[in-house]
């Protein structure tokens, strides 16, 4: 998604572009590691 935003803004289609960083790469990787340990079962399964 970031690549699309950069391509559009570089082409001049947008006058302003604002992004919000939600997680760093390290935080994302840590969350993915922790998610492996979560046991989830969908309702009704």
PDB file of N, CA and C in Angstrom:
ATOM      1  N   UNK A   1       0.823  -1.184   0.000  1.00  0.00           N
ATOM      2  CA  UNK A   1       0.000   0.000   0.000  1.00  0.00           C
ATOM      3  C   UNK A   1       0.866   1.245   0.000  1.00  0.00           C
ATOM      4  N   UNK A   2       1.966   1.212   0.713  1.00  0.00           N
ATOM      5  CA  UNK A   2       2.854   2.367   0.746  1.00  0.00           C
ATOM      6  C   UNK A   2       3.398   2.664  -0.638  1.00  0.00           C
ATOM      7  N   UNK A   3       3.700   1.621  -1.408  1.00  0.00           N
ATOM      8  CA  UNK A   3       4.226   1.820  -2.754  1.00  0.00           C
ATOM      9  C   UNK A   3       3.201   2.521  -3.640  1.00  0.00           C
ATOM     10  N   UNK A   4       1.938   2.173  -3.503  1.00  0.00           N
ATOM     11  CA  UNK A   4       0.881   2.818  -4.290  1.00  0.00           C
ATOM     12  C   UNK A   4       0.770   4.286  -3.913  1.00  0.00           C
ATOM     13  N   UNK A   5       0.795   4.587  -2.628  1.00  0.00           N
ATOM     14  CA  UNK A   5       0.710   5.971  -2.173  1.00  0.00           C
ATOM     15  C   UNK A   5       1.888   6.788  -2.699  1.00  0.00           C
ATOM     16  N   UNK A   6       3.083   6.209  -2.695  1.00  0.00           N
ATOM     17  CA  UNK A   6       4.254   6.920  -3.208  1.00  0.00           C
ATOM     18  C   UNK A   6       4.147   7.153  -4.708  1.00  0.00           C
ATOM     19  N   UNK A   7       3.678   6.176  -5.440  1.00  0.00           N
ATOM     20  CA  UNK A   7       3.550   6.312  -6.885  1.00  0.00           C
ATOM     21  C   UNK A   7       2.531   7.388  -7.251  1.00  0.00           C
ATOM     22  N   UNK A   8       1.411   7.412  -6.561  1.00  0.00           N
ATOM     23  CA  UNK A   8       0.375   8.410  -6.845  1.00  0.00           C
ATOM     24  C   UNK A   8       0.868   9.809  -6.513  1.00  0.00           C
ATOM     25  N   UNK A   9       1.487   9.957  -5.351  1.00  0.00           N
ATOM     26  CA  UNK A   9       1.959  11.289  -4.957  1.00  0.00           C
ATOM     27  C   UNK A   9       3.111  11.753  -5.842  1.00  0.00           C
ATOM     28  N   UNK A  10       3.957  10.856  -6.292  1.00  0.00           N
ATOM     29  CA  UNK A  10       5.076  11.233  -7.157  1.00  0.00           C
ATOM     30  C   UNK A  10       4.580  11.692  -8.522  1.00  0.00           C
ATOM     31  N   UNK A  11       3.451  11.178  -8.955  1.00  0.00           N
ATOM     32  CA  UNK A  11       2.892  11.563 -10.243  1.00  0.00           C
ATOM     33  C   UNK A  11       2.196  12.909 -10.223  1.00  0.00           C
ATOM     34  N   UNK A  12       2.075  13.504  -9.039  1.00  0.00           N
ATOM     35  CA  UNK A  12       1.459  14.820  -8.922  1.00  0.00           C
ATOM     36  C   UNK A  12      -0.046  14.783  -8.797  1.00  0.00           C
ATOM     37  N   UNK A  13      -0.641  13.621  -8.647  1.00  0.00           N
ATOM     38  CA  UNK A  13      -2.093  13.509  -8.547  1.00  0.00           C
ATOM     39  C   UNK A  13      -2.630  14.047  -7.219  1.00  0.00           C
ATOM     40  N   UNK A  14      -1.797  14.071  -6.222  1.00  0.00           N
ATOM     41  CA  UNK A  14      -2.216  14.561  -4.907  1.00  0.00           C
ATOM     42  C   UNK A  14      -1.413  15.795  -4.534  1.00  0.00           C
ATOM     43  N   UNK A  15      -2.086  16.771  -3.931  1.00  0.00           N
ATOM     44  CA  UNK A  15      -1.360  17.959  -3.488  1.00  0.00           C
ATOM     45  C   UNK A  15      -0.733  17.730  -2.111  1.00  0.00           C
ATOM     46  N   UNK A  16      -1.368  16.888  -1.302  1.00  0.00           N
ATOM     47  CA  UNK A  16      -0.811  16.545   0.001  1.00  0.00           C
ATOM     48  C   UNK A  16      -1.016  15.060   0.248  1.00  0.00           C
ATOM     49  N   UNK A  17      -0.118  14.497   1.012  1.00  0.00           N
ATOM     50  CA  UNK A  17      -0.220  13.085   1.372  1.00  0.00           C
ATOM     51  C   UNK A  17       0.185  12.950   2.822  1.00  0.00           C
ATOM     52  N   UNK A  18      -0.673  12.343   3.601  1.00  0.00           N
ATOM     53  CA  UNK A  18      -0.406  12.171   5.024  1.00  0.00           C
ATOM     54  C   UNK A  18      -0.520  10.695   5.363  1.00  0.00           C
ATOM     55  N   UNK A  19       0.472  10.153   6.045  1.00  0.00           N
ATOM     56  CA  UNK A  19       0.426   8.764   6.475  1.00  0.00           C
ATOM     57  C   UNK A  19       0.622   8.696   7.978  1.00  0.00           C
ATOM     58  N   UNK A  20       0.154   7.614   8.569  1.00  0.00           N
ATOM     59  CA  UNK A  20       0.291   7.390   9.998  1.00  0.00           C
ATOM     60  C   UNK A  20       0.952   6.042  10.218  1.00  0.00           C
ATOM     61  N   UNK A  21       2.068   6.051  10.934  1.00  0.00           N
ATOM     62  CA  UNK A  21       2.756   4.801  11.256  1.00  0.00           C
ATOM     63  C   UNK A  21       2.034   4.171  12.443  1.00  0.00           C
ATOM     64  N   UNK A  22       1.559   2.953  12.250  1.00  0.00           N
ATOM     65  CA  UNK A  22       0.842   2.264  13.318  1.00  0.00           C
ATOM     66  C   UNK A  22       1.776   1.382  14.131  1.00  0.00           C
ATOM     67  N   UNK A  23       2.638   0.639  13.468  1.00  0.00           N
ATOM     68  CA  UNK A  23       3.605  -0.227  14.135  1.00  0.00           C
ATOM     69  C   UNK A  23       4.927  -0.171  13.378  1.00  0.00           C
ATOM     70  N   UNK A  24       6.003  -0.300  14.115  1.00  0.00           N
ATOM     71  CA  UNK A  24       7.296  -0.436  13.464  1.00  0.00           C
ATOM     72  C   UNK A  24       7.421  -1.862  12.939  1.00  0.00           C
ATOM     73  N   UNK A  25       8.413  -2.096  12.116  1.00  0.00           N
ATOM     74  CA  UNK A  25       8.642  -3.449  11.603  1.00  0.00           C
ATOM     75  C   UNK A  25       8.910  -4.407  12.757  1.00  0.00           C
ATOM     76  N   UNK A  26       9.731  -3.982  13.720  1.00  0.00           N
ATOM     77  CA  UNK A  26      10.041  -4.841  14.866  1.00  0.00           C
ATOM     78  C   UNK A  26       8.793  -5.146  15.690  1.00  0.00           C
ATOM     79  N   UNK A  27       7.936  -4.147  15.893  1.00  0.00           N
ATOM     80  CA  UNK A  27       6.701  -4.369  16.642  1.00  0.00           C
ATOM     81  C   UNK A  27       5.782  -5.338  15.902  1.00  0.00           C
ATOM     82  N   UNK A  28       5.731  -5.202  14.581  1.00  0.00           N
ATOM     83  CA  UNK A  28       4.912  -6.100  13.772  1.00  0.00           C
ATOM     84  C   UNK A  28       5.409  -7.531  13.868  1.00  0.00           C
ATOM     85  N   UNK A  29       6.717  -7.709  13.744  1.00  0.00           N
ATOM     86  CA  UNK A  29       7.292  -9.047  13.825  1.00  0.00           C
ATOM     87  C   UNK A  29       7.045  -9.660  15.205  1.00  0.00           C
ATOM     88  N   UNK A  30       7.176  -8.869  16.251  1.00  0.00           N
ATOM     89  CA  UNK A  30       6.918  -9.350  17.612  1.00  0.00           C
ATOM     90  C   UNK A  30       5.460  -9.772  17.763  1.00  0.00           C
ATOM     91  N   UNK A  31       4.546  -8.973  17.222  1.00  0.00           N
ATOM     92  CA  UNK A  31       3.120  -9.302  17.306  1.00  0.00           C
ATOM     93  C   UNK A  31       2.810 -10.591  16.549  1.00  0.00           C
ATOM     94  N   UNK A  32       3.441 -10.784  15.395  1.00  0.00           N
ATOM     95  CA  UNK A  32       3.221 -12.010  14.630  1.00  0.00           C
ATOM     96  C   UNK A  32       3.735 -13.235  15.379  1.00  0.00           C
ATOM     97  N   UNK A  33       4.866 -13.098  16.049  1.00  0.00           N
ATOM     98  CA  UNK A  33       5.397 -14.217  16.846  1.00  0.00           C
ATOM     99  C   UNK A  33       4.446 -14.567  17.984  1.00  0.00           C
ATOM    100  N   UNK A  34       3.924 -13.542  18.643  1.00  0.00           N
ATOM    101  CA  UNK A  34       2.994 -13.773  19.749  1.00  0.00           C
ATOM    102  C   UNK A  34       1.675 -14.366  19.251  1.00  0.00           C
ATOM    103  N   UNK A  35       1.246 -13.966  18.058  1.00  0.00           N
ATOM    104  CA  UNK A  35      -0.020 -14.457  17.509  1.00  0.00           C
ATOM    105  C   UNK A  35       0.015 -15.952  17.253  1.00  0.00           C
ATOM    106  N   UNK A  36       1.196 -16.499  17.012  1.00  0.00           N
ATOM    107  CA  UNK A  36       1.316 -17.940  16.794  1.00  0.00           C
ATOM    108  C   UNK A  36       0.864 -18.728  18.020  1.00  0.00           C
ATOM    109  N   UNK A  37       0.968 -18.122  19.195  1.00  0.00           N
ATOM    110  CA  UNK A  37       0.652 -18.811  20.445  1.00  0.00           C
ATOM    111  C   UNK A  37      -0.818 -18.679  20.833  1.00  0.00           C
ATOM    112  N   UNK A  38      -1.554 -17.821  20.142  1.00  0.00           N
ATOM    113  CA  UNK A  38      -2.950 -17.584  20.475  1.00  0.00           C
ATOM    114  C   UNK A  38      -3.801 -18.716  19.899  1.00  0.00           C
ATOM    115  N   UNK A  39      -4.609 -19.311  20.751  1.00  0.00           N
ATOM    116  CA  UNK A  39      -5.514 -20.366  20.300  1.00  0.00           C
ATOM    117  C   UNK A  39      -6.880 -19.722  20.128  1.00  0.00           C
ATOM    118  N   UNK A  40      -7.316 -19.663  18.893  1.00  0.00           N
ATOM    119  CA  UNK A  40      -8.612 -19.043  18.586  1.00  0.00           C
ATOM    120  C   UNK A  40      -9.494 -20.047  17.866  1.00  0.00           C
ATOM    121  N   UNK A  41     -10.720 -20.096  18.276  1.00  0.00           N
ATOM    122  CA  UNK A  41     -11.697 -20.929  17.605  1.00  0.00           C
ATOM    123  C   UNK A  41     -12.900 -20.056  17.290  1.00  0.00           C
ATOM    124  N   UNK A  42     -13.281 -20.021  16.027  1.00  0.00           N
ATOM    125  CA  UNK A  42     -14.414 -19.181  15.599  1.00  0.00           C
ATOM    126  C   UNK A  42     -15.682 -19.610  16.305  1.00  0.00           C
ATOM    127  N   UNK A  43     -16.568 -18.677  16.603  1.00  0.00           N
ATOM    128  CA  UNK A  43     -17.839 -19.019  17.234  1.00  0.00           C
ATOM    129  C   UNK A  43     -18.601 -20.036  16.390  1.00  0.00           C
ATOM    130  N   UNK A  44     -19.123 -21.041  17.041  1.00  0.00           N
ATOM    131  CA  UNK A  44     -19.886 -22.075  16.368  1.00  0.00           C
ATOM    132  C   UNK A  44     -19.033 -23.177  15.751  1.00  0.00           C
ATOM    133  N   UNK A  45     -17.720 -23.050  15.857  1.00  0.00           N
ATOM    134  CA  UNK A  45     -16.842 -24.075  15.268  1.00  0.00           C
ATOM    135  C   UNK A  45     -16.723 -25.278  16.171  1.00  0.00           C
TER     136      UNK A  45
END
